[in-house]
C-alpha atoms as a PDB file:
ATOM      1  CA  UNK A   1      88.609 167.323 -44.137  1.00  0.00           C
ATOM      2  CA  UNK A   2      91.551 165.642 -45.851  1.00  0.00           C
ATOM      3  CA  UNK A   3      94.009 163.491 -43.964  1.00  0.00           C
ATOM      4  CA  UNK A   4      96.727 166.059 -44.515  1.00  0.00           C
ATOM      5  CA  UNK A   5      94.639 168.739 -42.820  1.00  0.00           C
ATOM      6  CA  UNK A   6      93.751 166.492 -39.899  1.00  0.00           C
ATOM      7  CA  UNK A   7      97.389 165.645 -39.399  1.00  0.00           C
ATOM      8  CA  UNK A   8      98.288 169.306 -39.371  1.00  0.00           C
ATOM      9  CA  UNK A   9      95.640 170.055 -36.695  1.00  0.00           C
ATOM     10  CA  UNK A  10      96.899 167.249 -34.501  1.00  0.00           C
ATOM     11  CA  UNK A  11     100.436 168.451 -34.792  1.00  0.00           C
ATOM     12  CA  UNK A  12      99.416 172.025 -34.025  1.00  0.00           C
ATOM     13  CA  UNK A  13      96.957 171.346 -31.140  1.00  0.00           C
ATOM     14  CA  UNK A  14      97.970 167.877 -29.884  1.00  0.00           C
ATOM     15  CA  UNK A  15      99.361 169.070 -26.540  1.00  0.00           C
ATOM     16  CA  UNK A  16      96.211 171.056 -25.691  1.00  0.00           C
ATOM     17  CA  UNK A  17      93.994 168.133 -26.613  1.00  0.00           C
ATOM     18  CA  UNK A  18      96.022 165.746 -24.436  1.00  0.00           C
ATOM     19  CA  UNK A  19      95.873 168.122 -21.469  1.00  0.00           C
ATOM     20  CA  UNK A  20      92.126 168.505 -21.832  1.00  0.00           C
ATOM     21  CA  UNK A  21      91.597 164.767 -21.985  1.00  0.00           C
ATOM     22  CA  UNK A  22      93.733 164.312 -18.840  1.00  0.00           C
ATOM     23  CA  UNK A  23      91.740 166.908 -16.857  1.00  0.00           C
ATOM     24  CA  UNK A  24      88.475 165.332 -17.977  1.00  0.00           C
ATOM     25  CA  UNK A  25      89.735 161.943 -16.771  1.00  0.00           C
ATOM     26  CA  UNK A  26      90.657 163.273 -13.325  1.00  0.00           C
ATOM     27  CA  UNK A  27      87.240 164.931 -12.914  1.00  0.00           C
ATOM     28  CA  UNK A  28      85.463 161.757 -13.987  1.00  0.00           C
ATOM     29  CA  UNK A  29      87.451 159.711 -11.478  1.00  0.00           C
ATOM     30  CA  UNK A  30      86.596 162.172  -8.678  1.00  0.00           C
ATOM     31  CA  UNK A  31      82.879 162.080  -9.539  1.00  0.00           C
ATOM     32  CA  UNK A  32      82.880 158.287  -9.477  1.00  0.00           C
ATOM     33  CA  UNK A  33      84.637 158.256  -6.047  1.00  0.00           C
ATOM     34  CA  UNK A  34      82.134 160.724  -4.568  1.00  0.00           C
ATOM     35  CA  UNK A  35      79.221 158.709  -5.944  1.00  0.00           C
ATOM     36  CA  UNK A  36      80.566 155.552  -4.268  1.00  0.00           C
ATOM     37  CA  UNK A  37      81.341 157.182  -0.886  1.00  0.00           C
ATOM     38  CA  UNK A  38      78.913 158.260   1.867  1.00  0.00           C
ATOM     39  CA  UNK A  39      79.726 161.863   1.158  1.00  0.00           C
ATOM     40  CA  UNK A  40      81.385 164.479   3.335  1.00  0.00           C
ATOM     41  CA  UNK A  41      80.320 164.580   6.999  1.00  0.00           C
ATOM     42  CA  UNK A  42      77.995 167.434   7.821  1.00  0.00           C
ATOM     43  CA  UNK A  43      78.260 169.602  10.999  1.00  0.00           C
ATOM     44  CA  UNK A  44      75.668 167.430  12.688  1.00  0.00           C
ATOM     45  CA  UNK A  45      77.225 164.166  11.607  1.00  0.00           C
ATOM     46  CA  UNK A  46      77.893 162.208  14.814  1.00  0.00           C
ATOM     47  CA  UNK A  47      80.548 160.062  13.220  1.00  0.00           C
ATOM     48  CA  UNK A  48      83.104 162.860  13.631  1.00  0.00           C
ATOM     49  CA  UNK A  49      81.700 164.566  16.783  1.00  0.00           C
ATOM     50  CA  UNK A  50      81.284 161.484  18.938  1.00  0.00           C
ATOM     51  CA  UNK A  51      84.410 160.809  21.009  1.00  0.00           C
ATOM     52  CA  UNK A  52      85.730 157.301  21.079  1.00  0.00           C
ATOM     53  CA  UNK A  53      84.478 155.303  24.081  1.00  0.00           C
ATOM     54  CA  UNK A  54      86.756 155.648  27.130  1.00  0.00           C
ATOM     55  CA  UNK A  55      88.969 152.762  27.926  1.00  0.00           C
ATOM     56  CA  UNK A  56      87.527 150.529  30.587  1.00  0.00           C
ATOM     57  CA  UNK A  57      89.368 150.813  33.903  1.00  0.00           C
ATOM     58  CA  UNK A  58      91.256 147.776  34.889  1.00  0.00           C
ATOM     59  CA  UNK A  59      89.387 145.792  37.483  1.00  0.00           C
ATOM     60  CA  UNK A  60      91.231 145.402  40.748  1.00  0.00           C
ATOM     61  CA  UNK A  61      90.798 142.162  42.550  1.00  0.00           C
ATOM     62  CA  UNK A  62      88.781 142.408  45.799  1.00  0.00           C
ATOM     63  CA  UNK A  63      90.831 141.969  48.980  1.00  0.00           C
ATOM     64  CA  UNK A  64      91.306 138.364  49.865  1.00  0.00           C
ATOM     65  CA  UNK A  65      91.270 136.696  53.252  1.00  0.00           C
ATOM     66  CA  UNK A  66      95.061 136.658  53.080  1.00  0.00           C
ATOM     67  CA  UNK A  67      95.081 140.446  52.561  1.00  0.00           C
ATOM     68  CA  UNK A  68      92.815 140.944  55.582  1.00  0.00           C
ATOM     69  CA  UNK A  69      95.023 138.712  57.735  1.00  0.00           C
ATOM     70  CA  UNK A  70      98.135 140.605  56.649  1.00  0.00           C
ATOM     71  CA  UNK A  71      96.511 143.966  57.494  1.00  0.00           C
ATOM     72  CA  UNK A  72      95.416 142.632  60.875  1.00  0.00           C
ATOM     73  CA  UNK A  73      98.922 141.382  61.678  1.00  0.00           C
ATOM     74  CA  UNK A  74     100.444 144.727  60.690  1.00  0.00           C
ATOM     75  CA  UNK A  75      97.955 146.606  62.899  1.00  0.00           C
ATOM     76  CA  UNK A  76      98.707 144.353  65.862  1.00  0.00           C
ATOM     77  CA  UNK A  77     102.445 144.865  65.398  1.00  0.00           C
ATOM     78  CA  UNK A  78     101.903 148.631  65.524  1.00  0.00           C
ATOM     79  CA  UNK A  79      99.810 148.276  68.691  1.00  0.00           C
ATOM     80  CA  UNK A  80     102.499 146.096  70.299  1.00  0.00           C
ATOM     81  CA  UNK A  81     105.153 148.698  69.537  1.00  0.00           C
ATOM     82  CA  UNK A  82     103.012 151.488  71.026  1.00  0.00           C
ATOM     83  CA  UNK A  83     102.172 149.440  74.117  1.00  0.00           C
ATOM     84  CA  UNK A  84     105.888 148.810  74.651  1.00  0.00           C
ATOM     85  CA  UNK A  85     106.607 152.532  74.275  1.00  0.00           C
ATOM     86  CA  UNK A  86     104.028 153.471  76.952  1.00  0.00           C
ATOM     87  CA  UNK A  87     104.888 150.442  79.114  1.00  0.00           C
ATOM     88  CA  UNK A  88     101.304 149.131  79.260  1.00  0.00           C
ATOM     89  CA  UNK A  89      99.755 145.747  78.424  1.00  0.00           C
ATOM     90  CA  UNK A  90      98.349 145.482  74.906  1.00  0.00           C
ATOM     91  CA  UNK A  91      95.083 143.594  75.595  1.00  0.00           C
ATOM     92  CA  UNK A  92      94.777 142.808  71.892  1.00  0.00           C
ATOM     93  CA  UNK A  93      91.446 140.995  72.248  1.00  0.00           C
ATOM     94  CA  UNK A  94      89.846 144.170  73.613  1.00  0.00           C
ATOM     95  CA  UNK A  95      91.061 146.142  70.597  1.00  0.00           C
ATOM     96  CA  UNK A  96      89.368 143.617  68.337  1.00  0.00           C
ATOM     97  CA  UNK A  97      86.054 143.979  70.223  1.00  0.00           C
ATOM     98  CA  UNK A  98      83.588 146.781  70.857  1.00  0.00           C
ATOM     99  CA  UNK A  99      84.491 149.027  73.774  1.00  0.00           C
ATOM    100  CA  UNK A 100      81.580 149.119  76.261  1.00  0.00           C
ATOM    101  CA  UNK A 101      79.976 152.561  76.383  1.00  0.00           C
ATOM    102  CA  UNK A 102      77.251 154.070  78.568  1.00  0.00           C
ATOM    103  CA  UNK A 103      75.145 157.209  78.488  1.00  0.00           C
ATOM    104  CA  UNK A 104      72.984 158.975  81.066  1.00  0.00           C
ATOM    105  CA  UNK A 105      70.723 161.804  79.891  1.00  0.00           C
ATOM    106  CA  UNK A 106      69.732 164.733  82.106  1.00  0.00           C
ATOM    107  CA  UNK A 107      69.316 167.489  82.689  1.00  0.00           C
ATOM    108  CA  UNK A 108      70.208 167.603  86.369  1.00  0.00           C
ATOM    109  CA  UNK A 109      70.655 170.893  88.236  1.00  0.00           C
ATOM    110  CA  UNK A 110      73.347 170.714  90.921  1.00  0.00           C
ATOM    111  CA  UNK A 111      74.069 173.288  93.615  1.00  0.00           C
ATOM    112  CA  UNK A 112      77.506 174.909  93.383  1.00  0.00           C
ATOM    113  CA  UNK A 113      78.416 173.117  96.616  1.00  0.00           C
ATOM    114  CA  UNK A 114      77.347 169.607  97.649  1.00  0.00           C
ATOM    115  CA  UNK A 115      75.821 168.476  94.351  1.00  0.00           C
ATOM    116  CA  UNK A 116      76.038 164.759  93.457  1.00  0.00           C
ATOM    117  CA  UNK A 117      75.236 162.409  90.576  1.00  0.00           C
ATOM    118  CA  UNK A 118      76.178 158.753  90.981  1.00  0.00           C
ATOM    119  CA  UNK A 119      76.110 156.121  88.216  1.00  0.00           C
ATOM    120  CA  UNK A 120      77.781 152.709  88.005  1.00  0.00           C
ATOM    121  CA  UNK A 121      80.699 154.295  86.140  1.00  0.00           C
ATOM    122  CA  UNK A 122      81.112 157.847  87.467  1.00  0.00           C
ATOM    123  CA  UNK A 123      80.715 159.902  90.624  1.00  0.00           C
ATOM    124  CA  UNK A 124      80.046 163.582  89.835  1.00  0.00           C
ATOM    125  CA  UNK A 125      80.119 166.163  92.633  1.00  0.00           C
ATOM    126  CA  UNK A 126      80.482 169.927  93.123  1.00  0.00           C
ATOM    127  CA  UNK A 127      82.299 172.109  95.640  1.00  0.00           C
ATOM    128  CA  UNK A 128      83.492 175.707  96.059  1.00  0.00           C
ATOM    129  CA  UNK A 129      87.231 176.452  96.180  1.00  0.00           C
ATOM    130  CA  UNK A 130      89.219 179.649  96.556  1.00  0.00           C
ATOM    131  CA  UNK A 131      91.775 179.655  93.739  1.00  0.00           C
ATOM    132  CA  UNK A 132      94.425 182.009  92.393  1.00  0.00           C
ATOM    133  CA  UNK A 133      92.803 183.729  89.417  1.00  0.00           C
ATOM    134  CA  UNK A 134      94.382 185.784  86.595  1.00  0.00           C
ATOM    135  CA  UNK A 135      93.437 189.471  86.490  1.00  0.00           C
ATOM    136  CA  UNK A 136      94.377 190.407  82.963  1.00  0.00           C
ATOM    137  CA  UNK A 137      97.756 192.124  82.937  1.00  0.00           C
ATOM    138  CA  UNK A 138      97.335 193.267  86.556  1.00  0.00           C
ATOM    139  CA  UNK A 139      98.489 190.054  88.208  1.00  0.00           C
ATOM    140  CA  UNK A 140      96.292 187.620  90.134  1.00  0.00           C
ATOM    141  CA  UNK A 141      93.798 187.523  92.976  1.00  0.00           C
ATOM    142  CA  UNK A 142      92.018 184.872  95.052  1.00  0.00           C
ATOM    143  CA  UNK A 143      88.441 184.086  94.081  1.00  0.00           C
ATOM    144  CA  UNK A 144      85.889 181.332  94.828  1.00  0.00           C
ATOM    145  CA  UNK A 145      85.145 178.913  91.983  1.00  0.00           C
ATOM    146  CA  UNK A 146      82.537 176.248  91.305  1.00  0.00           C
ATOM    147  CA  UNK A 147      84.582 173.073  90.880  1.00  0.00           C
ATOM    148  CA  UNK A 148      83.337 169.805  89.373  1.00  0.00           C
ATOM    149  CA  UNK A 149      84.940 166.553  90.547  1.00  0.00           C
ATOM    150  CA  UNK A 150      84.703 163.551  88.219  1.00  0.00           C
ATOM    151  CA  UNK A 151      85.647 160.155  89.685  1.00  0.00           C
ATOM    152  CA  UNK A 152      86.034 156.888  87.800  1.00  0.00           C
ATOM    153  CA  UNK A 153      84.271 154.201  89.859  1.00  0.00           C
ATOM    154  CA  UNK A 154      85.453 151.296  87.670  1.00  0.00           C
ATOM    155  CA  UNK A 155      88.588 149.165  87.534  1.00  0.00           C
ATOM    156  CA  UNK A 156      89.114 150.163  83.891  1.00  0.00           C
ATOM    157  CA  UNK A 157      90.559 153.154  82.101  1.00  0.00           C
ATOM    158  CA  UNK A 158      87.721 155.320  80.840  1.00  0.00           C
ATOM    159  CA  UNK A 159      87.086 158.075  78.314  1.00  0.00           C
ATOM    160  CA  UNK A 160      84.252 160.343  79.403  1.00  0.00           C
ATOM    161  CA  UNK A 161      82.339 163.545  78.791  1.00  0.00           C
ATOM    162  CA  UNK A 162      80.292 165.525  81.323  1.00  0.00           C
ATOM    163  CA  UNK A 163      78.354 168.280  79.535  1.00  0.00           C
ATOM    164  CA  UNK A 164      77.688 171.224  81.866  1.00  0.00           C
ATOM    165  CA  UNK A 165      76.258 174.755  81.763  1.00  0.00           C
ATOM    166  CA  UNK A 166      77.067 177.157  84.628  1.00  0.00           C
ATOM    167  CA  UNK A 167      74.327 179.475  85.897  1.00  0.00           C
ATOM    168  CA  UNK A 168      74.165 183.156  85.000  1.00  0.00           C
ATOM    169  CA  UNK A 169      74.791 185.083  81.807  1.00  0.00           C
ATOM    170  CA  UNK A 170      78.327 186.246  82.648  1.00  0.00           C
ATOM    171  CA  UNK A 171      81.183 184.551  80.773  1.00  0.00           C
ATOM    172  CA  UNK A 172      83.201 182.112  82.845  1.00  0.00           C
ATOM    173  CA  UNK A 173      86.551 183.480  81.694  1.00  0.00           C
ATOM    174  CA  UNK A 174      88.963 184.505  82.917  1.00  0.00           C
ATOM    175  CA  UNK A 175      89.001 181.930  85.683  1.00  0.00           C
ATOM    176  CA  UNK A 176      91.515 179.684  87.364  1.00  0.00           C
ATOM    177  CA  UNK A 177      92.534 176.469  85.609  1.00  0.00           C
ATOM    178  CA  UNK A 178      93.324 173.208  87.389  1.00  0.00           C
ATOM    179  CA  UNK A 179      95.621 170.703  85.607  1.00  0.00           C
ATOM    180  CA  UNK A 180      93.451 167.837  84.396  1.00  0.00           C
ATOM    181  CA  UNK A 181      93.362 164.959  81.942  1.00  0.00           C
ATOM    182  CA  UNK A 182      89.987 166.362  80.764  1.00  0.00           C
ATOM    183  CA  UNK A 183      88.517 163.336  78.979  1.00  0.00           C
ATOM    184  CA  UNK A 184      90.319 160.235  80.320  1.00  0.00           C
ATOM    185  CA  UNK A 185      90.793 158.695  83.755  1.00  0.00           C
ATOM    186  CA  UNK A 186      92.676 155.682  85.065  1.00  0.00           C
ATOM    187  CA  UNK A 187      91.023 153.055  87.289  1.00  0.00           C
ATOM    188  CA  UNK A 188      89.542 154.705  90.443  1.00  0.00           C
ATOM    189  CA  UNK A 189      91.159 157.987  89.417  1.00  0.00           C
ATOM    190  CA  UNK A 190      89.513 161.413  89.824  1.00  0.00           C
ATOM    191  CA  UNK A 191      90.032 164.910  88.426  1.00  0.00           C
ATOM    192  CA  UNK A 192      88.842 168.381  89.388  1.00  0.00           C
ATOM    193  CA  UNK A 193      87.962 171.058  86.851  1.00  0.00           C
ATOM    194  CA  UNK A 194      86.838 174.645  87.334  1.00  0.00           C
ATOM    195  CA  UNK A 195      83.425 175.448  85.892  1.00  0.00           C
ATOM    196  CA  UNK A 196      83.036 179.154  86.635  1.00  0.00           C
ATOM    197  CA  UNK A 197      83.701 181.886  89.179  1.00  0.00           C
ATOM    198  CA  UNK A 198      81.272 181.579  92.084  1.00  0.00           C
ATOM    199  CA  UNK A 199      78.783 184.428  92.133  1.00  0.00           C
ATOM    200  CA  UNK A 200      76.643 183.685  95.170  1.00  0.00           C
ATOM    201  CA  UNK A 201      73.639 181.431  94.579  1.00  0.00           C
ATOM    202  CA  UNK A 202      75.415 179.210  92.046  1.00  0.00           C
ATOM    203  CA  UNK A 203      74.107 176.196  90.207  1.00  0.00           C
ATOM    204  CA  UNK A 204      75.477 173.899  87.557  1.00  0.00           C
ATOM    205  CA  UNK A 205      73.299 172.114  84.990  1.00  0.00           C
ATOM    206  CA  UNK A 206      74.543 168.727  83.765  1.00  0.00           C
ATOM    207  CA  UNK A 207      72.996 167.777  80.422  1.00  0.00           C
ATOM    208  CA  UNK A 208      74.443 164.288  79.949  1.00  0.00           C
ATOM    209  CA  UNK A 209      77.171 161.830  80.926  1.00  0.00           C
ATOM    210  CA  UNK A 210      78.974 159.601  78.428  1.00  0.00           C
ATOM    211  CA  UNK A 211      81.550 156.964  79.342  1.00  0.00           C
ATOM    212  CA  UNK A 212      83.568 154.412  77.385  1.00  0.00           C
ATOM    213  CA  UNK A 213      85.657 151.673  78.986  1.00  0.00           C
ATOM    214  CA  UNK A 214      88.966 151.455  77.108  1.00  0.00           C
ATOM    215  CA  UNK A 215      92.246 149.493  77.267  1.00  0.00           C
ATOM    216  CA  UNK A 216      95.298 151.112  78.938  1.00  0.00           C
ATOM    217  CA  UNK A 217      96.899 151.874  75.563  1.00  0.00           C
ATOM    218  CA  UNK A 218      93.780 153.838  74.550  1.00  0.00           C
ATOM    219  CA  UNK A 219      94.299 156.111  77.564  1.00  0.00           C
ATOM    220  CA  UNK A 220      97.683 157.152  76.133  1.00  0.00           C
ATOM    221  CA  UNK A 221      96.228 157.580  72.642  1.00  0.00           C
ATOM    222  CA  UNK A 222      93.353 159.765  73.865  1.00  0.00           C
ATOM    223  CA  UNK A 223      95.249 162.002  76.255  1.00  0.00           C
ATOM    224  CA  UNK A 224      97.268 163.301  73.275  1.00  0.00           C
ATOM    225  CA  UNK A 225      94.125 164.515  71.479  1.00  0.00           C
ATOM    226  CA  UNK A 226      93.449 168.224  71.985  1.00  0.00           C
ATOM    227  CA  UNK A 227      90.057 168.288  73.803  1.00  0.00           C
ATOM    228  CA  UNK A 228      88.892 171.441  72.023  1.00  0.00           C
ATOM    229  CA  UNK A 229      88.939 169.554  68.719  1.00  0.00           C
ATOM    230  CA  UNK A 230      86.452 167.015  70.111  1.00  0.00           C
ATOM    231  CA  UNK A 231      83.667 169.422  71.039  1.00  0.00           C
ATOM    232  CA  UNK A 232      84.845 170.037  74.630  1.00  0.00           C
ATOM    233  CA  UNK A 233      84.179 173.733  75.534  1.00  0.00           C
ATOM    234  CA  UNK A 234      87.339 175.821  75.702  1.00  0.00           C
ATOM    235  CA  UNK A 235      86.584 176.957  79.271  1.00  0.00           C
ATOM    236  CA  UNK A 236      87.204 173.312  80.250  1.00  0.00           C
ATOM    237  CA  UNK A 237      89.704 172.232  77.589  1.00  0.00           C
ATOM    238  CA  UNK A 238      92.204 174.962  78.530  1.00  0.00           C
ATOM    239  CA  UNK A 239      93.114 173.040  81.677  1.00  0.00           C
ATOM    240  CA  UNK A 240      94.207 169.930  79.776  1.00  0.00           C
ATOM    241  CA  UNK A 241      97.627 168.601  80.768  1.00  0.00           C
ATOM    242  CA  UNK A 242      99.712 165.623  79.629  1.00  0.00           C
ATOM    243  CA  UNK A 243     102.072 163.243  81.404  1.00  0.00           C
ATOM    244  CA  UNK A 244     105.746 164.265  81.258  1.00  0.00           C
ATOM    245  CA  UNK A 245     107.389 163.562  77.920  1.00  0.00           C
ATOM    246  CA  UNK A 246     104.163 163.473  75.900  1.00  0.00           C
ATOM    247  CA  UNK A 247     102.885 166.120  73.483  1.00  0.00           C
ATOM    248  CA  UNK A 248      99.568 166.924  71.842  1.00  0.00           C
ATOM    249  CA  UNK A 249      98.919 165.733  68.292  1.00  0.00           C
ATOM    250  CA  UNK A 250      98.994 168.521  65.718  1.00  0.00           C
ATOM    251  CA  UNK A 251      97.011 166.913  62.895  1.00  0.00           C
ATOM    252  CA  UNK A 252      93.493 166.626  64.332  1.00  0.00           C
ATOM    253  CA  UNK A 253      90.942 167.529  61.584  1.00  0.00           C
ATOM    254  CA  UNK A 254      88.812 169.842  63.741  1.00  0.00           C
ATOM    255  CA  UNK A 255      86.520 171.048  60.955  1.00  0.00           C
ATOM    256  CA  UNK A 256      85.827 167.495  59.764  1.00  0.00           C
ATOM    257  CA  UNK A 257      84.931 166.437  63.308  1.00  0.00           C
ATOM    258  CA  UNK A 258      82.765 169.492  63.995  1.00  0.00           C
ATOM    259  CA  UNK A 259      80.880 169.027  60.729  1.00  0.00           C
ATOM    260  CA  UNK A 260      80.328 165.317  61.422  1.00  0.00           C
ATOM    261  CA  UNK A 261      79.029 166.075  64.935  1.00  0.00           C
ATOM    262  CA  UNK A 262      76.708 168.858  63.714  1.00  0.00           C
ATOM    263  CA  UNK A 263      75.283 166.820  60.831  1.00  0.00           C
ATOM    264  CA  UNK A 264      74.823 163.640  62.856  1.00  0.00           C
ATOM    265  CA  UNK A 265      77.249 161.736  60.627  1.00  0.00           C
ATOM    266  CA  UNK A 266      79.152 160.853  63.808  1.00  0.00           C
ATOM    267  CA  UNK A 267      78.533 160.991  67.543  1.00  0.00           C
ATOM    268  CA  UNK A 268      81.027 162.060  70.178  1.00  0.00           C
ATOM    269  CA  UNK A 269      81.510 158.415  71.135  1.00  0.00           C
ATOM    270  CA  UNK A 270      82.237 157.534  67.482  1.00  0.00           C
ATOM    271  CA  UNK A 271      85.100 160.042  67.425  1.00  0.00           C
ATOM    272  CA  UNK A 272      86.404 158.841  70.793  1.00  0.00           C
ATOM    273  CA  UNK A 273      86.198 155.218  69.641  1.00  0.00           C
ATOM    274  CA  UNK A 274      88.313 156.053  66.578  1.00  0.00           C
ATOM    275  CA  UNK A 275      91.065 157.791  68.549  1.00  0.00           C
ATOM    276  CA  UNK A 276      90.967 155.099  71.228  1.00  0.00           C
ATOM    277  CA  UNK A 277      92.039 152.627  68.500  1.00  0.00           C
ATOM    278  CA  UNK A 278      94.385 154.784  66.393  1.00  0.00           C
ATOM    279  CA  UNK A 279      97.272 157.050  67.285  1.00  0.00           C
ATOM    280  CA  UNK A 280      96.424 160.636  66.340  1.00  0.00           C
ATOM    281  CA  UNK A 281     100.094 161.012  65.309  1.00  0.00           C
ATOM    282  CA  UNK A 282      99.461 158.636  62.400  1.00  0.00           C
ATOM    283  CA  UNK A 283      95.771 158.727  61.461  1.00  0.00           C
ATOM    284  CA  UNK A 284      93.023 161.333  61.137  1.00  0.00           C
ATOM    285  CA  UNK A 285      89.370 160.773  61.968  1.00  0.00           C
ATOM    286  CA  UNK A 286      87.301 159.653  58.980  1.00  0.00           C
ATOM    287  CA  UNK A 287      83.581 160.388  58.832  1.00  0.00           C
ATOM    288  CA  UNK A 288      81.780 157.068  58.618  1.00  0.00           C
ATOM    289  CA  UNK A 289      83.533 155.413  61.558  1.00  0.00           C
ATOM    290  CA  UNK A 290      80.636 154.225  63.699  1.00  0.00           C
ATOM    291  CA  UNK A 291      80.308 152.131  66.826  1.00  0.00           C
ATOM    292  CA  UNK A 292      77.202 150.519  68.394  1.00  0.00           C
ATOM    293  CA  UNK A 293      74.855 152.775  70.354  1.00  0.00           C
ATOM    294  CA  UNK A 294      75.792 153.087  74.049  1.00  0.00           C
ATOM    295  CA  UNK A 295      73.783 151.434  76.786  1.00  0.00           C
ATOM    296  CA  UNK A 296      71.737 153.554  79.167  1.00  0.00           C
ATOM    297  CA  UNK A 297      73.313 153.878  82.613  1.00  0.00           C
ATOM    298  CA  UNK A 298      70.801 154.745  85.349  1.00  0.00           C
ATOM    299  CA  UNK A 299      71.474 157.352  88.016  1.00  0.00           C
ATOM    300  CA  UNK A 300      71.821 155.501  91.311  1.00  0.00           C
ATOM    301  CA  UNK A 301      71.913 158.503  93.625  1.00  0.00           C
ATOM    302  CA  UNK A 302      71.736 162.275  93.317  1.00  0.00           C
ATOM    303  CA  UNK A 303      71.749 165.468  95.351  1.00  0.00           C
ATOM    304  CA  UNK A 304      70.115 168.123  93.202  1.00  0.00           C
ATOM    305  CA  UNK A 305      69.030 171.711  93.611  1.00  0.00           C
ATOM    306  CA  UNK A 306      65.418 171.859  94.761  1.00  0.00           C
END
């Protein structure tokens, strides 16, 4: 091929040759880059599927002794304000200690009249009383009732529970209701509560007695707790009454308490201990609040059904 012919070919096809050389260069560069890289990630390649590690949560400093002292001072200020409101002494040292508690386990079967159980803390007795009784929508009538009298034998305010089962299979409602503080008593104070309509040869079984000695302020905390939310049967709880000017707390977590009592996560005295230390207007019972086991209180005297 002569130089003139070669020059003519270049002039005629120079653009096409340049374009071809450029494309070949790009492809060669791409092949070299792929050869040097690790290659595209496959569906099972964990480098793309693995999420980045979560950020570590910031560590909070544990509470210091100063924090604990500040919380204690704030709690005592709240107690002082409540004690002033109810016009009772605070007895702060008692709030910082365990409240003495006692338990007596039955069962004891009392006659409907003249029954007696005596412990160091309580005097339990029975009698029959004629009381005005509701008769549905037809008015009222007079009927004899088995009445339980609970007397505080100590010089302290007490929270208490007397578990009872009336005789017979008939329901004990409707029946008369006597105003009562239900689960708290002042020093040497007593209350009467109706157990059931009297049906002749009546008896009352007492399963157990539980008592906790509490400061005066605790009396005012506890009387505002609706007894039915603490496992007290409704036939007894319906007679609950408060001092003038006080009202029941609305925010008692009944289901939480019932579940804790059924599961054994809390005892009745655990719940009472919590509400003896905290106003139910401000705090709700938390499962996990525990107090020491109560002491056993012996029965000193009794008059039981033979």
